[in-house]
């Protein structure tokens, strides 16, 4: 069942690619590739079939411009407890930044014309 699923998946992947994105001679070799695909039983056979398919695809299709513009979304599961914990952390961070801003800043003004290097510790 797994082997037949892999065969059908590779055949579906090949059929979903438009012919302009494939090598011009692909139509001549497609039938022999499909026959070889239907005789695949070992992982090495499937890897060979997939390698052939990858080599037939034009390099233009593999450029990142095709998948950068798609806007892939990554889902992250957050429970209500996680959300409350995140809000607590945000409040603590906000409180710490407000405390840092509330501290008085001491400015030391040096007159010009120092003859030596000034170090502060």
PDB file of N, CA and C in Angstrom:
ATOM      1  N   UNK A   1       0.835  -1.191   0.000  1.00  0.00           N
ATOM      2  CA  UNK A   1       0.000   0.000   0.000  1.00  0.00           C
ATOM      3  C   UNK A   1       0.883   1.260   0.000  1.00  0.00           C
ATOM      4  N   UNK A   2       1.978   1.229   0.786  1.00  0.00           N
ATOM      5  CA  UNK A   2       2.880   2.375   0.828  1.00  0.00           C
ATOM      6  C   UNK A   2       3.560   2.586  -0.509  1.00  0.00           C
ATOM      7  N   UNK A   3       3.947   1.499  -1.145  1.00  0.00           N
ATOM      8  CA  UNK A   3       4.616   1.587  -2.449  1.00  0.00           C
ATOM      9  C   UNK A   3       3.677   2.184  -3.487  1.00  0.00           C
ATOM     10  N   UNK A   4       2.434   1.731  -3.486  1.00  0.00           N
ATOM     11  CA  UNK A   4       1.474   2.276  -4.460  1.00  0.00           C
ATOM     12  C   UNK A   4       1.179   3.748  -4.175  1.00  0.00           C
ATOM     13  N   UNK A   5       1.160   4.135  -2.905  1.00  0.00           N
ATOM     14  CA  UNK A   5       0.959   5.543  -2.553  1.00  0.00           C
ATOM     15  C   UNK A   5       2.119   6.392  -3.058  1.00  0.00           C
ATOM     16  N   UNK A   6       3.343   5.889  -2.904  1.00  0.00           N
ATOM     17  CA  UNK A   6       4.501   6.617  -3.406  1.00  0.00           C
ATOM     18  C   UNK A   6       4.460   6.744  -4.922  1.00  0.00           C
ATOM     19  N   UNK A   7       4.085   5.678  -5.596  1.00  0.00           N
ATOM     20  CA  UNK A   7       3.991   5.711  -7.063  1.00  0.00           C
ATOM     21  C   UNK A   7       2.978   6.763  -7.512  1.00  0.00           C
ATOM     22  N   UNK A   8       1.808   6.713  -6.903  1.00  0.00           N
ATOM     23  CA  UNK A   8       0.757   7.657  -7.291  1.00  0.00           C
ATOM     24  C   UNK A   8       1.138   9.090  -6.945  1.00  0.00           C
ATOM     25  N   UNK A   9       1.830   9.279  -5.830  1.00  0.00           N
ATOM     26  CA  UNK A   9       2.246  10.626  -5.441  1.00  0.00           C
ATOM     27  C   UNK A   9       3.249  11.209  -6.432  1.00  0.00           C
ATOM     28  N   UNK A  10       4.216  10.403  -6.841  1.00  0.00           N
ATOM     29  CA  UNK A  10       5.199  10.881  -7.822  1.00  0.00           C
ATOM     30  C   UNK A  10       4.540  11.142  -9.181  1.00  0.00           C
ATOM     31  N   UNK A  11       3.625  10.281  -9.571  1.00  0.00           N
ATOM     32  CA  UNK A  11       2.925  10.494 -10.840  1.00  0.00           C
ATOM     33  C   UNK A  11       2.070  11.750 -10.769  1.00  0.00           C
ATOM     34  N   UNK A  12       1.415  11.988  -9.639  1.00  0.00           N
ATOM     35  CA  UNK A  12       0.601  13.189  -9.463  1.00  0.00           C
ATOM     36  C   UNK A  12       1.468  14.440  -9.454  1.00  0.00           C
ATOM     37  N   UNK A  13       2.629  14.355  -8.820  1.00  0.00           N
ATOM     38  CA  UNK A  13       3.554  15.490  -8.799  1.00  0.00           C
ATOM     39  C   UNK A  13       4.000  15.843 -10.215  1.00  0.00           C
ATOM     40  N   UNK A  14       4.318  14.840 -10.992  1.00  0.00           N
ATOM     41  CA  UNK A  14       4.754  15.079 -12.374  1.00  0.00           C
ATOM     42  C   UNK A  14       3.625  15.654 -13.207  1.00  0.00           C
ATOM     43  N   UNK A  15       2.415  15.159 -13.028  1.00  0.00           N
ATOM     44  CA  UNK A  15       1.295  15.651 -13.837  1.00  0.00           C
ATOM     45  C   UNK A  15       0.856  17.050 -13.407  1.00  0.00           C
ATOM     46  N   UNK A  16       1.154  17.451 -12.176  1.00  0.00           N
ATOM     47  CA  UNK A  16       0.752  18.784 -11.721  1.00  0.00           C
ATOM     48  C   UNK A  16       1.681  19.878 -12.234  1.00  0.00           C
ATOM     49  N   UNK A  17       2.864  19.500 -12.713  1.00  0.00           N
ATOM     50  CA  UNK A  17       3.792  20.488 -13.268  1.00  0.00           C
ATOM     51  C   UNK A  17       3.390  20.821 -14.698  1.00  0.00           C
ATOM     52  N   UNK A  18       3.322  22.088 -15.002  1.00  0.00           N
ATOM     53  CA  UNK A  18       2.975  22.509 -16.360  1.00  0.00           C
ATOM     54  C   UNK A  18       4.127  22.195 -17.309  1.00  0.00           C
ATOM     55  N   UNK A  19       3.790  21.873 -18.542  1.00  0.00           N
ATOM     56  CA  UNK A  19       4.817  21.485 -19.509  1.00  0.00           C
ATOM     57  C   UNK A  19       5.843  22.587 -19.796  1.00  0.00           C
ATOM     58  N   UNK A  20       5.510  23.890 -19.737  1.00  0.00           N
ATOM     59  CA  UNK A  20       6.561  24.896 -19.951  1.00  0.00           C
ATOM     60  C   UNK A  20       7.659  24.881 -18.891  1.00  0.00           C
ATOM     61  N   UNK A  21       7.382  24.311 -17.721  1.00  0.00           N
ATOM     62  CA  UNK A  21       8.381  24.259 -16.661  1.00  0.00           C
ATOM     63  C   UNK A  21       9.268  23.014 -16.742  1.00  0.00           C
ATOM     64  N   UNK A  22       8.989  22.158 -17.696  1.00  0.00           N
ATOM     65  CA  UNK A  22       9.766  20.928 -17.848  1.00  0.00           C
ATOM     66  C   UNK A  22      10.678  21.032 -19.072  1.00  0.00           C
ATOM     67  N   UNK A  23      11.653  20.150 -19.135  1.00  0.00           N
ATOM     68  CA  UNK A  23      12.587  20.119 -20.256  1.00  0.00           C
ATOM     69  C   UNK A  23      11.812  19.879 -21.555  1.00  0.00           C
ATOM     70  N   UNK A  24      12.238  20.521 -22.653  1.00  0.00           N
ATOM     71  CA  UNK A  24      11.498  20.357 -23.915  1.00  0.00           C
ATOM     72  C   UNK A  24      11.403  18.906 -24.395  1.00  0.00           C
ATOM     73  N   UNK A  25      12.383  18.080 -24.089  1.00  0.00           N
ATOM     74  CA  UNK A  25      12.355  16.679 -24.530  1.00  0.00           C
ATOM     75  C   UNK A  25      11.641  15.759 -23.543  1.00  0.00           C
ATOM     76  N   UNK A  26      11.029  16.312 -22.516  1.00  0.00           N
ATOM     77  CA  UNK A  26      10.400  15.468 -21.494  1.00  0.00           C
ATOM     78  C   UNK A  26       9.273  14.617 -22.069  1.00  0.00           C
ATOM     79  N   UNK A  27       8.518  15.138 -23.016  1.00  0.00           N
ATOM     80  CA  UNK A  27       7.401  14.367 -23.574  1.00  0.00           C
ATOM     81  C   UNK A  27       7.890  13.093 -24.273  1.00  0.00           C
ATOM     82  N   UNK A  28       9.119  13.141 -24.780  1.00  0.00           N
ATOM     83  CA  UNK A  28       9.669  11.940 -25.419  1.00  0.00           C
ATOM     84  C   UNK A  28      10.038  10.867 -24.394  1.00  0.00           C
ATOM     85  N   UNK A  29      10.448  11.280 -23.218  1.00  0.00           N
ATOM     86  CA  UNK A  29      10.917  10.347 -22.192  1.00  0.00           C
ATOM     87  C   UNK A  29       9.876  10.056 -21.114  1.00  0.00           C
ATOM     88  N   UNK A  30       8.757  10.723 -21.172  1.00  0.00           N
ATOM     89  CA  UNK A  30       7.742  10.601 -20.110  1.00  0.00           C
ATOM     90  C   UNK A  30       7.192   9.178 -19.992  1.00  0.00           C
ATOM     91  N   UNK A  31       6.878   8.557 -21.109  1.00  0.00           N
ATOM     92  CA  UNK A  31       6.284   7.216 -21.069  1.00  0.00           C
ATOM     93  C   UNK A  31       7.242   6.198 -20.452  1.00  0.00           C
ATOM     94  N   UNK A  32       8.522   6.277 -20.806  1.00  0.00           N
ATOM     95  CA  UNK A  32       9.479   5.344 -20.222  1.00  0.00           C
ATOM     96  C   UNK A  32       9.669   5.631 -18.734  1.00  0.00           C
ATOM     97  N   UNK A  33       9.582   6.906 -18.328  1.00  0.00           N
ATOM     98  CA  UNK A  33       9.692   7.250 -16.912  1.00  0.00           C
ATOM     99  C   UNK A  33       8.500   6.692 -16.133  1.00  0.00           C
ATOM    100  N   UNK A  34       7.304   6.808 -16.712  1.00  0.00           N
ATOM    101  CA  UNK A  34       6.114   6.267 -16.040  1.00  0.00           C
ATOM    102  C   UNK A  34       6.198   4.744 -15.901  1.00  0.00           C
ATOM    103  N   UNK A  35       6.707   4.063 -16.948  1.00  0.00           N
ATOM    104  CA  UNK A  35       6.876   2.603 -16.855  1.00  0.00           C
ATOM    105  C   UNK A  35       7.867   2.245 -15.748  1.00  0.00           C
ATOM    106  N   UNK A  36       8.973   2.978 -15.708  1.00  0.00           N
ATOM    107  CA  UNK A  36       9.970   2.724 -14.663  1.00  0.00           C
ATOM    108  C   UNK A  36       9.400   3.028 -13.286  1.00  0.00           C
ATOM    109  N   UNK A  37       8.574   4.054 -13.209  1.00  0.00           N
ATOM    110  CA  UNK A  37       7.953   4.416 -11.927  1.00  0.00           C
ATOM    111  C   UNK A  37       7.024   3.314 -11.437  1.00  0.00           C
ATOM    112  N   UNK A  38       6.284   2.707 -12.352  1.00  0.00           N
ATOM    113  CA  UNK A  38       5.347   1.647 -11.950  1.00  0.00           C
ATOM    114  C   UNK A  38       6.051   0.334 -11.616  1.00  0.00           C
ATOM    115  N   UNK A  39       7.327   0.215 -11.963  1.00  0.00           N
ATOM    116  CA  UNK A  39       8.103  -0.968 -11.593  1.00  0.00           C
ATOM    117  C   UNK A  39       8.937  -0.745 -10.337  1.00  0.00           C
ATOM    118  N   UNK A  40       8.836   0.424  -9.738  1.00  0.00           N
ATOM    119  CA  UNK A  40       9.617   0.731  -8.524  1.00  0.00           C
ATOM    120  C   UNK A  40       9.096  -0.088  -7.344  1.00  0.00           C
ATOM    121  N   UNK A  41      10.036  -0.698  -6.622  1.00  0.00           N
ATOM    122  CA  UNK A  41       9.663  -1.442  -5.416  1.00  0.00           C
ATOM    123  C   UNK A  41      10.566  -1.093  -4.246  1.00  0.00           C
ATOM    124  N   UNK A  42      11.813  -0.734  -4.538  1.00  0.00           N
ATOM    125  CA  UNK A  42      12.782  -0.431  -3.480  1.00  0.00           C
ATOM    126  C   UNK A  42      12.952   1.081  -3.347  1.00  0.00           C
ATOM    127  N   UNK A  43      13.414   1.541  -2.188  1.00  0.00           N
ATOM    128  CA  UNK A  43      13.644   2.987  -2.008  1.00  0.00           C
ATOM    129  C   UNK A  43      14.637   3.559  -3.017  1.00  0.00           C
ATOM    130  N   UNK A  44      15.625   2.753  -3.430  1.00  0.00           N
ATOM    131  CA  UNK A  44      16.603   3.229  -4.408  1.00  0.00           C
ATOM    132  C   UNK A  44      15.927   3.527  -5.743  1.00  0.00           C
ATOM    133  N   UNK A  45      14.936   2.710  -6.093  1.00  0.00           N
ATOM    134  CA  UNK A  45      14.208   2.933  -7.349  1.00  0.00           C
ATOM    135  C   UNK A  45      13.420   4.241  -7.293  1.00  0.00           C
ATOM    136  N   UNK A  46      12.776   4.462  -6.151  1.00  0.00           N
ATOM    137  CA  UNK A  46      12.013   5.696  -5.998  1.00  0.00           C
ATOM    138  C   UNK A  46      12.925   6.918  -5.993  1.00  0.00           C
ATOM    139  N   UNK A  47      14.085   6.784  -5.368  1.00  0.00           N
ATOM    140  CA  UNK A  47      15.003   7.927  -5.348  1.00  0.00           C
ATOM    141  C   UNK A  47      15.511   8.230  -6.756  1.00  0.00           C
ATOM    142  N   UNK A  48      15.742   7.199  -7.558  1.00  0.00           N
ATOM    143  CA  UNK A  48      16.170   7.402  -8.939  1.00  0.00           C
ATOM    144  C   UNK A  48      15.072   8.098  -9.745  1.00  0.00           C
ATOM    145  N   UNK A  49      13.828   7.658  -9.573  1.00  0.00           N
ATOM    146  CA  UNK A  49      12.710   8.270 -10.294  1.00  0.00           C
ATOM    147  C   UNK A  49      12.543   9.733  -9.890  1.00  0.00           C
ATOM    148  N   UNK A  50      12.665  10.012  -8.599  1.00  0.00           N
ATOM    149  CA  UNK A  50      12.542  11.393  -8.138  1.00  0.00           C
ATOM    150  C   UNK A  50      13.709  12.244  -8.624  1.00  0.00           C
ATOM    151  N   UNK A  51      14.899  11.675  -8.673  1.00  0.00           N
ATOM    152  CA  UNK A  51      16.071  12.400  -9.177  1.00  0.00           C
ATOM    153  C   UNK A  51      15.893  12.753 -10.647  1.00  0.00           C
ATOM    154  N   UNK A  52      15.377  11.824 -11.418  1.00  0.00           N
ATOM    155  CA  UNK A  52      15.121  12.096 -12.836  1.00  0.00           C
ATOM    156  C   UNK A  52      14.109  13.226 -12.976  1.00  0.00           C
ATOM    157  N   UNK A  53      13.055  13.177 -12.171  1.00  0.00           N
ATOM    158  CA  UNK A  53      12.035  14.225 -12.228  1.00  0.00           C
ATOM    159  C   UNK A  53      12.617  15.587 -11.848  1.00  0.00           C
ATOM    160  N   UNK A  54      13.468  15.631 -10.851  1.00  0.00           N
ATOM    161  CA  UNK A  54      14.077  16.897 -10.431  1.00  0.00           C
ATOM    162  C   UNK A  54      14.974  17.445 -11.531  1.00  0.00           C
ATOM    163  N   UNK A  55      15.699  16.586 -12.206  1.00  0.00           N
ATOM    164  CA  UNK A  55      16.593  17.036 -13.271  1.00  0.00           C
ATOM    165  C   UNK A  55      15.833  17.513 -14.505  1.00  0.00           C
ATOM    166  N   UNK A  56      14.617  17.040 -14.677  1.00  0.00           N
ATOM    167  CA  UNK A  56      13.817  17.441 -15.827  1.00  0.00           C
ATOM    168  C   UNK A  56      13.192  18.826 -15.608  1.00  0.00           C
ATOM    169  N   UNK A  57      12.991  19.192 -14.355  1.00  0.00           N
ATOM    170  CA  UNK A  57      12.391  20.491 -14.046  1.00  0.00           C
ATOM    171  C   UNK A  57      13.383  21.587 -14.395  1.00  0.00           C
ATOM    172  N   UNK A  58      12.898  22.638 -15.056  1.00  0.00           N
ATOM    173  CA  UNK A  58      13.767  23.747 -15.437  1.00  0.00           C
ATOM    174  C   UNK A  58      14.262  24.481 -14.189  1.00  0.00           C
ATOM    175  N   UNK A  59      15.489  24.973 -14.220  1.00  0.00           N
ATOM    176  CA  UNK A  59      16.049  25.670 -13.053  1.00  0.00           C
ATOM    177  C   UNK A  59      15.259  26.906 -12.644  1.00  0.00           C
ATOM    178  N   UNK A  60      14.518  27.476 -13.572  1.00  0.00           N
ATOM    179  CA  UNK A  60      13.730  28.666 -13.261  1.00  0.00           C
ATOM    180  C   UNK A  60      12.696  28.373 -12.175  1.00  0.00           C
ATOM    181  N   UNK A  61      12.148  27.185 -12.202  1.00  0.00           N
ATOM    182  CA  UNK A  61      11.121  26.812 -11.228  1.00  0.00           C
ATOM    183  C   UNK A  61      11.694  26.638  -9.829  1.00  0.00           C
ATOM    184  N   UNK A  62      12.997  26.368  -9.725  1.00  0.00           N
ATOM    185  CA  UNK A  62      13.622  26.139  -8.431  1.00  0.00           C
ATOM    186  C   UNK A  62      14.133  27.425  -7.788  1.00  0.00           C
ATOM    187  N   UNK A  63      13.967  28.568  -8.451  1.00  0.00           N
ATOM    188  CA  UNK A  63      14.401  29.839  -7.884  1.00  0.00           C
ATOM    189  C   UNK A  63      13.532  30.199  -6.679  1.00  0.00           C
ATOM    190  N   UNK A  64      14.095  30.892  -5.688  1.00  0.00           N
ATOM    191  CA  UNK A  64      13.332  31.213  -4.481  1.00  0.00           C
ATOM    192  C   UNK A  64      12.191  32.200  -4.700  1.00  0.00           C
ATOM    193  N   UNK A  65      12.151  32.868  -5.836  1.00  0.00           N
ATOM    194  CA  UNK A  65      11.102  33.847  -6.064  1.00  0.00           C
ATOM    195  C   UNK A  65       9.712  33.192  -6.065  1.00  0.00           C
ATOM    196  N   UNK A  66       9.648  31.920  -6.397  1.00  0.00           N
ATOM    197  CA  UNK A  66       8.359  31.243  -6.468  1.00  0.00           C
ATOM    198  C   UNK A  66       7.766  30.992  -5.088  1.00  0.00           C
ATOM    199  N   UNK A  67       8.596  30.661  -4.120  1.00  0.00           N
ATOM    200  CA  UNK A  67       8.030  30.340  -2.813  1.00  0.00           C
ATOM    201  C   UNK A  67       8.210  31.452  -1.790  1.00  0.00           C
ATOM    202  N   UNK A  68       8.976  32.500  -2.089  1.00  0.00           N
ATOM    203  CA  UNK A  68       9.084  33.623  -1.151  1.00  0.00           C
ATOM    204  C   UNK A  68       7.819  34.464  -1.176  1.00  0.00           C
ATOM    205  N   UNK A  69       7.168  34.560  -2.324  1.00  0.00           N
ATOM    206  CA  UNK A  69       5.990  35.396  -2.457  1.00  0.00           C
ATOM    207  C   UNK A  69       4.709  34.688  -2.031  1.00  0.00           C
ATOM    208  N   UNK A  70       4.780  33.421  -1.711  1.00  0.00           N
ATOM    209  CA  UNK A  70       3.572  32.688  -1.353  1.00  0.00           C
ATOM    210  C   UNK A  70       3.064  33.031   0.032  1.00  0.00           C
ATOM    211  N   UNK A  71       3.944  33.480   0.898  1.00  0.00           N
ATOM    212  CA  UNK A  71       3.526  33.836   2.240  1.00  0.00           C
ATOM    213  C   UNK A  71       3.163  32.622   3.062  1.00  0.00           C
ATOM    214  N   UNK A  72       4.063  31.682   3.174  1.00  0.00           N
ATOM    215  CA  UNK A  72       3.791  30.483   3.955  1.00  0.00           C
ATOM    216  C   UNK A  72       3.470  30.857   5.397  1.00  0.00           C
ATOM    217  N   UNK A  73       2.555  30.135   5.969  1.00  0.00           N
ATOM    218  CA  UNK A  73       2.112  30.401   7.322  1.00  0.00           C
ATOM    219  C   UNK A  73       2.535  29.244   8.203  1.00  0.00           C
ATOM    220  N   UNK A  74       3.017  29.574   9.370  1.00  0.00           N
ATOM    221  CA  UNK A  74       3.385  28.544  10.330  1.00  0.00           C
ATOM    222  C   UNK A  74       2.408  28.652  11.494  1.00  0.00           C
ATOM    223  N   UNK A  75       1.721  27.571  11.775  1.00  0.00           N
ATOM    224  CA  UNK A  75       0.768  27.551  12.865  1.00  0.00           C
ATOM    225  C   UNK A  75       1.455  27.119  14.149  1.00  0.00           C
ATOM    226  N   UNK A  76       1.063  27.761  15.225  1.00  0.00           N
ATOM    227  CA  UNK A  76       1.620  27.433  16.523  1.00  0.00           C
ATOM    228  C   UNK A  76       0.443  27.296  17.493  1.00  0.00           C
ATOM    229  N   UNK A  77       0.388  26.185  18.159  1.00  0.00           N
ATOM    230  CA  UNK A  77      -0.727  25.934  19.075  1.00  0.00           C
ATOM    231  C   UNK A  77      -0.418  26.588  20.409  1.00  0.00           C
ATOM    232  N   UNK A  78      -1.342  27.440  20.862  1.00  0.00           N
ATOM    233  CA  UNK A  78      -1.183  28.136  22.139  1.00  0.00           C
ATOM    234  C   UNK A  78      -2.460  27.932  22.941  1.00  0.00           C
ATOM    235  N   UNK A  79      -2.301  27.455  24.140  1.00  0.00           N
ATOM    236  CA  UNK A  79      -3.455  27.276  25.015  1.00  0.00           C
ATOM    237  C   UNK A  79      -3.710  28.571  25.770  1.00  0.00           C
ATOM    238  N   UNK A  80      -4.830  28.630  26.466  1.00  0.00           N
ATOM    239  CA  UNK A  80      -5.152  29.846  27.219  1.00  0.00           C
ATOM    240  C   UNK A  80      -4.152  30.065  28.354  1.00  0.00           C
ATOM    241  N   UNK A  81      -3.650  28.984  28.955  1.00  0.00           N
ATOM    242  CA  UNK A  81      -2.637  29.130  30.007  1.00  0.00           C
ATOM    243  C   UNK A  81      -1.339  29.711  29.444  1.00  0.00           C
ATOM    244  N   UNK A  82      -0.954  29.231  28.257  1.00  0.00           N
ATOM    245  CA  UNK A  82       0.247  29.777  27.612  1.00  0.00           C
ATOM    246  C   UNK A  82       0.073  31.257  27.297  1.00  0.00           C
ATOM    247  N   UNK A  83      -1.114  31.630  26.844  1.00  0.00           N
ATOM    248  CA  UNK A  83      -1.387  33.024  26.513  1.00  0.00           C
ATOM    249  C   UNK A  83      -1.308  33.904  27.752  1.00  0.00           C
ATOM    250  N   UNK A  84      -1.866  33.427  28.862  1.00  0.00           N
ATOM    251  CA  UNK A  84      -1.802  34.196  30.107  1.00  0.00           C
ATOM    252  C   UNK A  84      -0.358  34.349  30.570  1.00  0.00           C
ATOM    253  N   UNK A  85       0.429  33.292  30.452  1.00  0.00           N
ATOM    254  CA  UNK A  85       1.830  33.348  30.846  1.00  0.00           C
ATOM    255  C   UNK A  85       2.602  34.342  29.968  1.00  0.00           C
ATOM    256  N   UNK A  86       2.309  34.344  28.672  1.00  0.00           N
ATOM    257  CA  UNK A  86       2.970  35.292  27.780  1.00  0.00           C
ATOM    258  C   UNK A  86       2.606  36.728  28.139  1.00  0.00           C
ATOM    259  N   UNK A  87       1.339  36.961  28.504  1.00  0.00           N
ATOM    260  CA  UNK A  87       0.927  38.312  28.899  1.00  0.00           C
ATOM    261  C   UNK A  87       1.627  38.742  30.177  1.00  0.00           C
ATOM    262  N   UNK A  88       1.781  37.823  31.129  1.00  0.00           N
ATOM    263  CA  UNK A  88       2.495  38.140  32.368  1.00  0.00           C
ATOM    264  C   UNK A  88       3.935  38.535  32.068  1.00  0.00           C
ATOM    265  N   UNK A  89       4.587  37.781  31.194  1.00  0.00           N
ATOM    266  CA  UNK A  89       5.964  38.098  30.837  1.00  0.00           C
ATOM    267  C   UNK A  89       6.059  39.457  30.153  1.00  0.00           C
ATOM    268  N   UNK A  90       5.096  39.758  29.296  1.00  0.00           N
ATOM    269  CA  UNK A  90       5.084  41.059  28.627  1.00  0.00           C
ATOM    270  C   UNK A  90       4.924  42.188  29.638  1.00  0.00           C
ATOM    271  N   UNK A  91       4.022  41.988  30.610  1.00  0.00           N
ATOM    272  CA  UNK A  91       3.823  43.011  31.641  1.00  0.00           C
ATOM    273  C   UNK A  91       5.087  43.213  32.469  1.00  0.00           C
ATOM    274  N   UNK A  92       5.760  42.109  32.807  1.00  0.00           N
ATOM    275  CA  UNK A  92       7.006  42.217  33.576  1.00  0.00           C
ATOM    276  C   UNK A  92       8.073  42.951  32.780  1.00  0.00           C
ATOM    277  N   UNK A  93       8.195  42.639  31.504  1.00  0.00           N
ATOM    278  CA  UNK A  93       9.162  43.328  30.660  1.00  0.00           C
ATOM    279  C   UNK A  93       8.843  44.817  30.553  1.00  0.00           C
ATOM    280  N   UNK A  94       7.572  45.130  30.413  1.00  0.00           N
ATOM    281  CA  UNK A  94       7.151  46.532  30.317  1.00  0.00           C
ATOM    282  C   UNK A  94       7.446  47.266  31.620  1.00  0.00           C
ATOM    283  N   UNK A  95       7.200  46.589  32.733  1.00  0.00           N
ATOM    284  CA  UNK A  95       7.461  47.183  34.039  1.00  0.00           C
ATOM    285  C   UNK A  95       8.954  47.456  34.231  1.00  0.00           C
ATOM    286  N   UNK A  96       9.796  46.497  33.814  1.00  0.00           N
ATOM    287  CA  UNK A  96      11.243  46.676  33.924  1.00  0.00           C
ATOM    288  C   UNK A  96      11.733  47.838  33.063  1.00  0.00           C
ATOM    289  N   UNK A  97      11.215  47.952  31.863  1.00  0.00           N
ATOM    290  CA  UNK A  97      11.634  49.062  31.000  1.00  0.00           C
ATOM    291  C   UNK A  97      11.181  50.401  31.568  1.00  0.00           C
ATOM    292  N   UNK A  98       9.986  50.448  32.161  1.00  0.00           N
ATOM    293  CA  UNK A  98       9.513  51.695  32.781  1.00  0.00           C
ATOM    294  C   UNK A  98      10.383  52.075  33.973  1.00  0.00           C
ATOM    295  N   UNK A  99      10.814  51.061  34.750  1.00  0.00           N
ATOM    296  CA  UNK A  99      11.688  51.341  35.887  1.00  0.00           C
ATOM    297  C   UNK A  99      13.033  51.866  35.425  1.00  0.00           C
ATOM    298  N   UNK A 100      13.544  51.311  34.337  1.00  0.00           N
ATOM    299  CA  UNK A 100      14.822  51.782  33.820  1.00  0.00           C
ATOM    300  C   UNK A 100      14.711  53.214  33.315  1.00  0.00           C
ATOM    301  N   UNK A 101      13.586  53.538  32.712  1.00  0.00           N
ATOM    302  CA  UNK A 101      13.403  54.893  32.214  1.00  0.00           C
ATOM    303  C   UNK A 101      13.169  55.882  33.354  1.00  0.00           C
ATOM    304  N   UNK A 102      12.633  55.411  34.462  1.00  0.00           N
ATOM    305  CA  UNK A 102      12.337  56.296  35.594  1.00  0.00           C
ATOM    306  C   UNK A 102      13.595  56.654  36.388  1.00  0.00           C
ATOM    307  N   UNK A 103      14.658  55.880  36.286  1.00  0.00           N
ATOM    308  CA  UNK A 103      15.891  56.176  37.007  1.00  0.00           C
ATOM    309  C   UNK A 103      16.496  57.481  36.514  1.00  0.00           C
ATOM    310  N   UNK A 104      17.013  58.286  37.432  1.00  0.00           N
ATOM    311  CA  UNK A 104      17.638  59.529  36.986  1.00  0.00           C
ATOM    312  C   UNK A 104      18.975  59.235  36.298  1.00  0.00           C
ATOM    313  N   UNK A 105      19.229  59.961  35.268  1.00  0.00           N
ATOM    314  CA  UNK A 105      20.467  59.807  34.524  1.00  0.00           C
ATOM    315  C   UNK A 105      21.420  60.894  34.987  1.00  0.00           C
ATOM    316  N   UNK A 106      22.606  60.498  35.377  1.00  0.00           N
ATOM    317  CA  UNK A 106      23.593  61.459  35.856  1.00  0.00           C
ATOM    318  C   UNK A 106      24.529  61.780  34.707  1.00  0.00           C
ATOM    319  N   UNK A 107      24.564  63.046  34.353  1.00  0.00           N
ATOM    320  CA  UNK A 107      25.429  63.495  33.290  1.00  0.00           C
ATOM    321  C   UNK A 107      26.633  64.196  33.913  1.00  0.00           C
ATOM    322  N   UNK A 108      27.777  63.877  33.418  1.00  0.00           N
ATOM    323  CA  UNK A 108      28.993  64.529  33.879  1.00  0.00           C
ATOM    324  C   UNK A 108      29.539  65.327  32.713  1.00  0.00           C
ATOM    325  N   UNK A 109      29.729  66.608  32.961  1.00  0.00           N
ATOM    326  CA  UNK A 109      30.209  67.470  31.901  1.00  0.00           C
ATOM    327  C   UNK A 109      31.675  67.791  32.158  1.00  0.00           C
ATOM    328  N   UNK A 110      32.491  67.525  31.179  1.00  0.00           N
ATOM    329  CA  UNK A 110      33.913  67.822  31.275  1.00  0.00           C
ATOM    330  C   UNK A 110      34.205  69.082  30.477  1.00  0.00           C
ATOM    331  N   UNK A 111      35.051  69.883  31.020  1.00  0.00           N
ATOM    332  CA  UNK A 111      35.440  71.078  30.280  1.00  0.00           C
ATOM    333  C   UNK A 111      36.422  70.682  29.191  1.00  0.00           C
ATOM    334  N   UNK A 112      36.499  71.480  28.195  1.00  0.00           N
ATOM    335  CA  UNK A 112      37.403  71.197  27.095  1.00  0.00           C
ATOM    336  C   UNK A 112      38.841  71.532  27.491  1.00  0.00           C
ATOM    337  N   UNK A 113      39.765  70.980  26.786  1.00  0.00           N
ATOM    338  CA  UNK A 113      41.144  71.281  27.017  1.00  0.00           C
ATOM    339  C   UNK A 113      41.834  70.339  27.984  1.00  0.00           C
ATOM    340  N   UNK A 114      41.341  69.102  28.100  1.00  0.00           N
ATOM    341  CA  UNK A 114      42.001  68.146  28.970  1.00  0.00           C
ATOM    342  C   UNK A 114      43.323  67.727  28.352  1.00  0.00           C
ATOM    343  N   UNK A 115      44.337  67.592  29.185  1.00  0.00           N
ATOM    344  CA  UNK A 115      45.640  67.217  28.681  1.00  0.00           C
ATOM    345  C   UNK A 115      45.880  65.710  28.781  1.00  0.00           C
ATOM    346  N   UNK A 116      45.056  65.009  29.531  1.00  0.00           N
ATOM    347  CA  UNK A 116      45.231  63.583  29.732  1.00  0.00           C
ATOM    348  C   UNK A 116      43.937  62.867  29.364  1.00  0.00           C
ATOM    349  N   UNK A 117      44.033  61.560  29.263  1.00  0.00           N
ATOM    350  CA  UNK A 117      42.866  60.753  28.947  1.00  0.00           C
ATOM    351  C   UNK A 117      41.994  60.624  30.182  1.00  0.00           C
ATOM    352  N   UNK A 118      40.687  60.726  30.020  1.00  0.00           N
ATOM    353  CA  UNK A 118      39.731  60.635  31.124  1.00  0.00           C
ATOM    354  C   UNK A 118      39.109  59.250  31.089  1.00  0.00           C
ATOM    355  N   UNK A 119      39.204  58.539  32.221  1.00  0.00           N
ATOM    356  CA  UNK A 119      38.600  57.215  32.332  1.00  0.00           C
ATOM    357  C   UNK A 119      37.507  57.253  33.368  1.00  0.00           C
ATOM    358  N   UNK A 120      36.437  56.583  33.127  1.00  0.00           N
ATOM    359  CA  UNK A 120      35.355  56.500  34.128  1.00  0.00           C
ATOM    360  C   UNK A 120      35.181  55.039  34.490  1.00  0.00           C
ATOM    361  N   UNK A 121      35.002  54.795  35.754  1.00  0.00           N
ATOM    362  CA  UNK A 121      34.829  53.426  36.243  1.00  0.00           C
ATOM    363  C   UNK A 121      33.484  53.263  36.884  1.00  0.00           C
TER     364      UNK A 121
END
